[in-house]
Protein backbone atom coordinates (compact mmCIF):
# COMPACT_ATOMS: atom_id res chain seq x y z
CA UNK A 1 0.00 0.00 0.00
CA UNK A 2 2.82 2.44 0.84
CA UNK A 3 4.36 1.87 -2.62
CA UNK A 4 1.11 3.08 -4.16
CA UNK A 5 1.32 6.36 -2.20
CA UNK A 6 4.98 6.85 -3.11
CA UNK A 7 4.26 6.27 -6.81
CA UNK A 8 1.23 8.57 -6.67
CA UNK A 9 3.24 11.30 -4.89
CA UNK A 10 6.09 11.04 -7.42
CA UNK A 11 3.64 11.14 -10.33
CA UNK A 12 1.91 14.26 -9.00
CA UNK A 13 5.26 15.97 -8.35
CA UNK A 14 6.57 15.20 -11.85
CA UNK A 15 3.29 16.38 -13.41
CA UNK A 16 3.38 19.66 -11.44
CA UNK A 17 7.02 20.26 -12.47
CA UNK A 18 6.22 19.54 -16.13
CA UNK A 19 3.61 22.34 -16.09
CA UNK A 20 6.15 24.88 -14.81
CA UNK A 21 7.79 27.40 -17.13
CA UNK A 22 10.95 29.17 -16.07
CA UNK A 23 12.74 32.31 -17.19
CA UNK A 24 15.72 31.10 -15.12
CA UNK A 25 16.28 27.87 -13.21
CA UNK A 26 19.87 27.15 -12.26
CA UNK A 27 22.38 26.28 -9.60
CA UNK A 28 25.70 28.15 -9.45
CA UNK A 29 28.57 25.70 -10.04
CA UNK A 30 30.88 27.47 -7.59
CA UNK A 31 28.62 28.48 -4.70
CA UNK A 32 25.75 26.01 -5.01
CA UNK A 33 23.34 28.96 -4.82
CA UNK A 34 19.97 28.21 -6.43
CA UNK A 35 18.11 30.78 -8.50
CA UNK A 36 14.65 30.22 -9.90
CA UNK A 37 12.52 32.76 -11.77
CA UNK A 38 9.15 31.65 -13.08
CA UNK A 39 8.00 32.78 -16.50
CA UNK A 40 5.94 36.00 -16.22
CA UNK A 41 2.18 35.58 -16.61
CA UNK A 42 -0.73 38.01 -16.76
CA UNK A 43 -2.05 38.03 -13.20
CA UNK A 44 -4.74 40.71 -13.19
CA UNK A 45 -6.41 43.17 -15.53
CA UNK A 46 -7.92 46.64 -15.43
CA UNK A 47 -9.57 47.76 -18.66
CA UNK A 48 -6.80 47.49 -21.26
CA UNK A 49 -3.89 47.17 -18.80
CA UNK A 50 -2.45 43.85 -17.68
CA UNK A 51 -0.59 43.34 -14.42
CA UNK A 52 2.16 40.74 -14.91
CA UNK A 53 3.76 38.66 -12.19
CA UNK A 54 6.45 36.11 -11.53
CA UNK A 55 8.07 34.52 -8.48
CA UNK A 56 11.80 34.96 -7.92
CA UNK A 57 13.64 32.57 -5.62
CA UNK A 58 17.22 32.86 -4.41
CA UNK A 59 18.05 29.82 -2.27
CA UNK A 60 15.35 29.91 0.44
CA UNK A 61 14.20 33.53 -0.07
CA UNK A 62 11.12 34.13 -2.23
CA UNK A 63 9.81 37.33 -3.83
CA UNK A 64 6.75 38.15 -5.89
CA UNK A 65 7.42 40.63 -8.71
CA UNK A 66 4.41 42.55 -10.04
CA UNK A 67 4.64 45.01 -12.93
CA UNK A 68 2.80 46.65 -15.78
CA UNK A 69 4.45 46.28 -19.17
CA UNK A 70 5.65 49.73 -20.28
CA UNK A 71 2.72 51.94 -21.15
CA UNK A 72 3.21 55.70 -21.13
CA UNK A 73 -0.57 56.34 -21.05
CA UNK A 74 -0.87 54.68 -17.66
CA UNK A 75 0.21 56.72 -14.66
CA UNK A 76 -0.23 55.76 -11.01
CA UNK A 77 2.66 57.97 -9.95
CA UNK A 78 6.05 56.82 -8.71
CA UNK A 79 6.98 53.70 -6.81
CA UNK A 80 7.88 54.77 -3.27
CA UNK A 81 8.79 53.19 0.06
CA UNK A 82 5.08 53.51 0.95
CA UNK A 83 3.89 51.55 -2.12
CA UNK A 84 2.05 48.31 -1.44
CA UNK A 85 -0.14 45.59 -2.88
CA UNK A 86 -3.24 44.27 -1.12
CA UNK A 87 -4.48 40.83 -2.10
CA UNK A 88 -8.12 39.97 -1.45
CA UNK A 89 -8.84 36.27 -1.06
CA UNK A 90 -12.03 34.39 -1.94
CA UNK A 91 -12.82 34.05 1.79
CA UNK A 92 -12.82 37.89 2.17
CA UNK A 93 -9.46 38.08 3.96
CA UNK A 94 -7.00 40.78 2.82
CA UNK A 95 -3.20 40.49 2.92
CA UNK A 96 -1.07 43.61 2.39
CA UNK A 97 2.52 43.33 1.18
CA UNK A 98 4.93 46.31 1.16
CA UNK A 99 7.16 47.13 -1.79
CA UNK A 100 10.84 46.18 -1.41
CA UNK A 101 11.98 47.51 -4.82
CA UNK A 102 13.96 50.70 -5.21
CA UNK A 103 12.09 53.99 -5.47
CA UNK A 104 11.42 54.59 -9.16
CA UNK A 105 9.32 56.54 -11.61
CA UNK A 106 9.88 54.24 -14.58
CA UNK A 107 6.96 53.14 -16.73
CA UNK A 108 6.69 49.53 -15.51
CA UNK A 109 5.82 50.40 -11.88
CA UNK A 110 7.51 47.12 -10.86
CA UNK A 111 7.05 46.11 -7.22
CA UNK A 112 9.10 43.51 -5.41
CA UNK A 113 7.24 41.84 -2.54
CA UNK A 114 8.88 39.59 0.05
CA UNK A 115 6.98 36.31 0.45
CA UNK A 116 7.35 35.26 4.07
CA UNK A 117 3.81 33.86 3.91
CA UNK A 118 4.13 31.39 1.00
CA UNK A 119 2.01 28.65 2.55
CA UNK A 120 -0.89 31.04 3.14
CA UNK A 121 -0.71 32.27 -0.47
CA UNK A 122 -0.59 28.70 -1.79
CA UNK A 123 -3.74 27.68 0.13
CA UNK A 124 -5.98 30.64 -0.74
CA UNK A 125 -7.40 31.91 -4.02
CA UNK A 126 -6.74 35.58 -4.81
CA UNK A 127 -9.74 37.32 -6.41
CA UNK A 128 -8.78 41.01 -6.40
CA UNK A 129 -5.64 43.15 -6.20
CA UNK A 130 -5.13 46.72 -5.01
CA UNK A 131 -1.95 48.11 -6.58
CA UNK A 132 -0.99 51.24 -4.70
CA UNK A 133 1.77 53.65 -5.69
CA UNK A 134 1.05 57.37 -5.28
CA UNK A 135 -2.47 56.45 -6.45
CA UNK A 136 -4.28 53.11 -6.14
CA UNK A 137 -5.86 50.87 -8.71
CA UNK A 138 -8.10 47.85 -8.05
CA UNK A 139 -7.73 45.00 -10.54
CA UNK A 140 -9.63 41.79 -11.16
CA UNK A 141 -7.52 38.63 -10.99
CA UNK A 142 -7.56 36.46 -14.12
CA UNK A 143 -6.49 33.16 -12.51
CA UNK A 144 -7.10 33.03 -8.73
CA UNK A 145 -4.43 30.30 -8.37
CA UNK A 146 -1.68 31.93 -10.47
CA UNK A 147 0.40 33.04 -7.46
CA UNK A 148 -0.01 29.63 -5.83
CA UNK A 149 1.11 27.90 -9.03
CA UNK A 150 4.14 30.19 -9.43
CA UNK A 151 5.23 29.64 -5.80
CA UNK A 152 4.93 25.87 -6.23
CA UNK A 153 7.01 26.04 -9.43
CA UNK A 154 9.68 28.14 -7.70
CA UNK A 155 9.80 25.58 -4.89
CA UNK A 156 10.13 22.69 -7.38
CA UNK A 157 12.86 24.40 -9.42
CA UNK A 158 16.33 22.83 -9.53
C-alpha atoms as a PDB file:
ATOM      1  CA  UNK A   1       0.000   0.000   0.000  1.00  0.00           C
ATOM      2  CA  UNK A   2       2.823   2.437   0.844  1.00  0.00           C
ATOM      3  CA  UNK A   3       4.363   1.871  -2.617  1.00  0.00           C
ATOM      4  CA  UNK A   4       1.112   3.084  -4.155  1.00  0.00           C
ATOM      5  CA  UNK A   5       1.317   6.361  -2.204  1.00  0.00           C
ATOM      6  CA  UNK A   6       4.984   6.849  -3.111  1.00  0.00           C
ATOM      7  CA  UNK A   7       4.264   6.270  -6.812  1.00  0.00           C
ATOM      8  CA  UNK A   8       1.227   8.575  -6.670  1.00  0.00           C
ATOM      9  CA  UNK A   9       3.244  11.295  -4.886  1.00  0.00           C
ATOM     10  CA  UNK A  10       6.086  11.043  -7.423  1.00  0.00           C
ATOM     11  CA  UNK A  11       3.642  11.138 -10.335  1.00  0.00           C
ATOM     12  CA  UNK A  12       1.913  14.264  -9.003  1.00  0.00           C
ATOM     13  CA  UNK A  13       5.255  15.970  -8.355  1.00  0.00           C
ATOM     14  CA  UNK A  14       6.571  15.198 -11.853  1.00  0.00           C
ATOM     15  CA  UNK A  15       3.293  16.384 -13.410  1.00  0.00           C
ATOM     16  CA  UNK A  16       3.384  19.662 -11.441  1.00  0.00           C
ATOM     17  CA  UNK A  17       7.023  20.261 -12.465  1.00  0.00           C
ATOM     18  CA  UNK A  18       6.217  19.544 -16.125  1.00  0.00           C
ATOM     19  CA  UNK A  19       3.611  22.339 -16.091  1.00  0.00           C
ATOM     20  CA  UNK A  20       6.152  24.884 -14.807  1.00  0.00           C
ATOM     21  CA  UNK A  21       7.789  27.399 -17.125  1.00  0.00           C
ATOM     22  CA  UNK A  22      10.950  29.166 -16.067  1.00  0.00           C
ATOM     23  CA  UNK A  23      12.743  32.310 -17.191  1.00  0.00           C
ATOM     24  CA  UNK A  24      15.723  31.101 -15.123  1.00  0.00           C
ATOM     25  CA  UNK A  25      16.283  27.868 -13.208  1.00  0.00           C
ATOM     26  CA  UNK A  26      19.872  27.148 -12.263  1.00  0.00           C
ATOM     27  CA  UNK A  27      22.379  26.282  -9.599  1.00  0.00           C
ATOM     28  CA  UNK A  28      25.704  28.154  -9.451  1.00  0.00           C
ATOM     29  CA  UNK A  29      28.575  25.695 -10.037  1.00  0.00           C
ATOM     30  CA  UNK A  30      30.879  27.470  -7.595  1.00  0.00           C
ATOM     31  CA  UNK A  31      28.616  28.480  -4.700  1.00  0.00           C
ATOM     32  CA  UNK A  32      25.745  26.008  -5.006  1.00  0.00           C
ATOM     33  CA  UNK A  33      23.343  28.961  -4.821  1.00  0.00           C
ATOM     34  CA  UNK A  34      19.972  28.207  -6.430  1.00  0.00           C
ATOM     35  CA  UNK A  35      18.111  30.780  -8.495  1.00  0.00           C
ATOM     36  CA  UNK A  36      14.647  30.217  -9.899  1.00  0.00           C
ATOM     37  CA  UNK A  37      12.524  32.756 -11.768  1.00  0.00           C
ATOM     38  CA  UNK A  38       9.152  31.651 -13.075  1.00  0.00           C
ATOM     39  CA  UNK A  39       8.000  32.781 -16.503  1.00  0.00           C
ATOM     40  CA  UNK A  40       5.939  36.002 -16.220  1.00  0.00           C
ATOM     41  CA  UNK A  41       2.176  35.575 -16.614  1.00  0.00           C
ATOM     42  CA  UNK A  42      -0.728  38.008 -16.755  1.00  0.00           C
ATOM     43  CA  UNK A  43      -2.046  38.033 -13.204  1.00  0.00           C
ATOM     44  CA  UNK A  44      -4.738  40.711 -13.193  1.00  0.00           C
ATOM     45  CA  UNK A  45      -6.411  43.170 -15.535  1.00  0.00           C
ATOM     46  CA  UNK A  46      -7.922  46.638 -15.427  1.00  0.00           C
ATOM     47  CA  UNK A  47      -9.574  47.765 -18.657  1.00  0.00           C
ATOM     48  CA  UNK A  48      -6.796  47.486 -21.256  1.00  0.00           C
ATOM     49  CA  UNK A  49      -3.894  47.168 -18.797  1.00  0.00           C
ATOM     50  CA  UNK A  50      -2.453  43.849 -17.676  1.00  0.00           C
ATOM     51  CA  UNK A  51      -0.587  43.339 -14.424  1.00  0.00           C
ATOM     52  CA  UNK A  52       2.161  40.741 -14.912  1.00  0.00           C
ATOM     53  CA  UNK A  53       3.756  38.656 -12.188  1.00  0.00           C
ATOM     54  CA  UNK A  54       6.451  36.105 -11.529  1.00  0.00           C
ATOM     55  CA  UNK A  55       8.069  34.519  -8.482  1.00  0.00           C
ATOM     56  CA  UNK A  56      11.804  34.964  -7.917  1.00  0.00           C
ATOM     57  CA  UNK A  57      13.644  32.573  -5.617  1.00  0.00           C
ATOM     58  CA  UNK A  58      17.217  32.857  -4.410  1.00  0.00           C
ATOM     59  CA  UNK A  59      18.051  29.824  -2.275  1.00  0.00           C
ATOM     60  CA  UNK A  60      15.347  29.911   0.443  1.00  0.00           C
ATOM     61  CA  UNK A  61      14.204  33.534  -0.065  1.00  0.00           C
ATOM     62  CA  UNK A  62      11.121  34.129  -2.227  1.00  0.00           C
ATOM     63  CA  UNK A  63       9.806  37.328  -3.825  1.00  0.00           C
ATOM     64  CA  UNK A  64       6.755  38.148  -5.892  1.00  0.00           C
ATOM     65  CA  UNK A  65       7.418  40.625  -8.708  1.00  0.00           C
ATOM     66  CA  UNK A  66       4.409  42.551 -10.041  1.00  0.00           C
ATOM     67  CA  UNK A  67       4.639  45.013 -12.925  1.00  0.00           C
ATOM     68  CA  UNK A  68       2.799  46.654 -15.777  1.00  0.00           C
ATOM     69  CA  UNK A  69       4.454  46.275 -19.172  1.00  0.00           C
ATOM     70  CA  UNK A  70       5.646  49.726 -20.277  1.00  0.00           C
ATOM     71  CA  UNK A  71       2.718  51.943 -21.152  1.00  0.00           C
ATOM     72  CA  UNK A  72       3.211  55.697 -21.126  1.00  0.00           C
ATOM     73  CA  UNK A  73      -0.569  56.340 -21.055  1.00  0.00           C
ATOM     74  CA  UNK A  74      -0.871  54.678 -17.664  1.00  0.00           C
ATOM     75  CA  UNK A  75       0.212  56.716 -14.662  1.00  0.00           C
ATOM     76  CA  UNK A  76      -0.226  55.758 -11.013  1.00  0.00           C
ATOM     77  CA  UNK A  77       2.662  57.966  -9.950  1.00  0.00           C
ATOM     78  CA  UNK A  78       6.050  56.818  -8.706  1.00  0.00           C
ATOM     79  CA  UNK A  79       6.979  53.699  -6.813  1.00  0.00           C
ATOM     80  CA  UNK A  80       7.880  54.770  -3.266  1.00  0.00           C
ATOM     81  CA  UNK A  81       8.788  53.190   0.056  1.00  0.00           C
ATOM     82  CA  UNK A  82       5.079  53.509   0.953  1.00  0.00           C
ATOM     83  CA  UNK A  83       3.886  51.547  -2.123  1.00  0.00           C
ATOM     84  CA  UNK A  84       2.050  48.307  -1.435  1.00  0.00           C
ATOM     85  CA  UNK A  85      -0.142  45.587  -2.877  1.00  0.00           C
ATOM     86  CA  UNK A  86      -3.238  44.268  -1.121  1.00  0.00           C
ATOM     87  CA  UNK A  87      -4.482  40.830  -2.103  1.00  0.00           C
ATOM     88  CA  UNK A  88      -8.117  39.970  -1.447  1.00  0.00           C
ATOM     89  CA  UNK A  89      -8.837  36.269  -1.056  1.00  0.00           C
ATOM     90  CA  UNK A  90     -12.025  34.389  -1.937  1.00  0.00           C
ATOM     91  CA  UNK A  91     -12.822  34.054   1.788  1.00  0.00           C
ATOM     92  CA  UNK A  92     -12.818  37.888   2.173  1.00  0.00           C
ATOM     93  CA  UNK A  93      -9.464  38.082   3.963  1.00  0.00           C
ATOM     94  CA  UNK A  94      -7.002  40.776   2.823  1.00  0.00           C
ATOM     95  CA  UNK A  95      -3.198  40.489   2.921  1.00  0.00           C
ATOM     96  CA  UNK A  96      -1.069  43.612   2.391  1.00  0.00           C
ATOM     97  CA  UNK A  97       2.522  43.334   1.184  1.00  0.00           C
ATOM     98  CA  UNK A  98       4.930  46.307   1.163  1.00  0.00           C
ATOM     99  CA  UNK A  99       7.157  47.129  -1.786  1.00  0.00           C
ATOM    100  CA  UNK A 100      10.845  46.175  -1.412  1.00  0.00           C
ATOM    101  CA  UNK A 101      11.975  47.510  -4.815  1.00  0.00           C
ATOM    102  CA  UNK A 102      13.960  50.704  -5.205  1.00  0.00           C
ATOM    103  CA  UNK A 103      12.090  53.990  -5.468  1.00  0.00           C
ATOM    104  CA  UNK A 104      11.424  54.586  -9.155  1.00  0.00           C
ATOM    105  CA  UNK A 105       9.318  56.538 -11.606  1.00  0.00           C
ATOM    106  CA  UNK A 106       9.885  54.239 -14.585  1.00  0.00           C
ATOM    107  CA  UNK A 107       6.963  53.140 -16.728  1.00  0.00           C
ATOM    108  CA  UNK A 108       6.690  49.533 -15.508  1.00  0.00           C
ATOM    109  CA  UNK A 109       5.824  50.399 -11.880  1.00  0.00           C
ATOM    110  CA  UNK A 110       7.514  47.118 -10.855  1.00  0.00           C
ATOM    111  CA  UNK A 111       7.046  46.109  -7.218  1.00  0.00           C
ATOM    112  CA  UNK A 112       9.105  43.511  -5.412  1.00  0.00           C
ATOM    113  CA  UNK A 113       7.240  41.840  -2.543  1.00  0.00           C
ATOM    114  CA  UNK A 114       8.885  39.590   0.048  1.00  0.00           C
ATOM    115  CA  UNK A 115       6.984  36.308   0.450  1.00  0.00           C
ATOM    116  CA  UNK A 116       7.352  35.263   4.068  1.00  0.00           C
ATOM    117  CA  UNK A 117       3.809  33.858   3.905  1.00  0.00           C
ATOM    118  CA  UNK A 118       4.131  31.393   1.000  1.00  0.00           C
ATOM    119  CA  UNK A 119       2.009  28.649   2.553  1.00  0.00           C
ATOM    120  CA  UNK A 120      -0.894  31.037   3.137  1.00  0.00           C
ATOM    121  CA  UNK A 121      -0.708  32.269  -0.465  1.00  0.00           C
ATOM    122  CA  UNK A 122      -0.587  28.697  -1.786  1.00  0.00           C
ATOM    123  CA  UNK A 123      -3.735  27.681   0.127  1.00  0.00           C
ATOM    124  CA  UNK A 124      -5.976  30.643  -0.740  1.00  0.00           C
ATOM    125  CA  UNK A 125      -7.397  31.912  -4.023  1.00  0.00           C
ATOM    126  CA  UNK A 126      -6.742  35.576  -4.809  1.00  0.00           C
ATOM    127  CA  UNK A 127      -9.738  37.316  -6.412  1.00  0.00           C
ATOM    128  CA  UNK A 128      -8.784  41.010  -6.401  1.00  0.00           C
ATOM    129  CA  UNK A 129      -5.637  43.150  -6.196  1.00  0.00           C
ATOM    130  CA  UNK A 130      -5.133  46.723  -5.013  1.00  0.00           C
ATOM    131  CA  UNK A 131      -1.952  48.108  -6.578  1.00  0.00           C
ATOM    132  CA  UNK A 132      -0.989  51.242  -4.697  1.00  0.00           C
ATOM    133  CA  UNK A 133       1.770  53.650  -5.689  1.00  0.00           C
ATOM    134  CA  UNK A 134       1.047  57.365  -5.283  1.00  0.00           C
ATOM    135  CA  UNK A 135      -2.472  56.447  -6.447  1.00  0.00           C
ATOM    136  CA  UNK A 136      -4.283  53.114  -6.136  1.00  0.00           C
ATOM    137  CA  UNK A 137      -5.860  50.872  -8.710  1.00  0.00           C
ATOM    138  CA  UNK A 138      -8.099  47.847  -8.053  1.00  0.00           C
ATOM    139  CA  UNK A 139      -7.725  45.002 -10.543  1.00  0.00           C
ATOM    140  CA  UNK A 140      -9.627  41.786 -11.163  1.00  0.00           C
ATOM    141  CA  UNK A 141      -7.519  38.629 -10.992  1.00  0.00           C
ATOM    142  CA  UNK A 142      -7.555  36.458 -14.122  1.00  0.00           C
ATOM    143  CA  UNK A 143      -6.488  33.161 -12.511  1.00  0.00           C
ATOM    144  CA  UNK A 144      -7.096  33.030  -8.726  1.00  0.00           C
ATOM    145  CA  UNK A 145      -4.434  30.301  -8.370  1.00  0.00           C
ATOM    146  CA  UNK A 146      -1.681  31.931 -10.466  1.00  0.00           C
ATOM    147  CA  UNK A 147       0.405  33.042  -7.459  1.00  0.00           C
ATOM    148  CA  UNK A 148      -0.012  29.633  -5.825  1.00  0.00           C
ATOM    149  CA  UNK A 149       1.113  27.897  -9.027  1.00  0.00           C
ATOM    150  CA  UNK A 150       4.140  30.189  -9.428  1.00  0.00           C
ATOM    151  CA  UNK A 151       5.229  29.639  -5.800  1.00  0.00           C
ATOM    152  CA  UNK A 152       4.928  25.870  -6.235  1.00  0.00           C
ATOM    153  CA  UNK A 153       7.007  26.040  -9.430  1.00  0.00           C
ATOM    154  CA  UNK A 154       9.677  28.138  -7.703  1.00  0.00           C
ATOM    155  CA  UNK A 155       9.803  25.576  -4.886  1.00  0.00           C
ATOM    156  CA  UNK A 156      10.127  22.686  -7.382  1.00  0.00           C
ATOM    157  CA  UNK A 157      12.856  24.399  -9.421  1.00  0.00           C
ATOM    158  CA  UNK A 158      16.332  22.831  -9.527  1.00  0.00           C
END
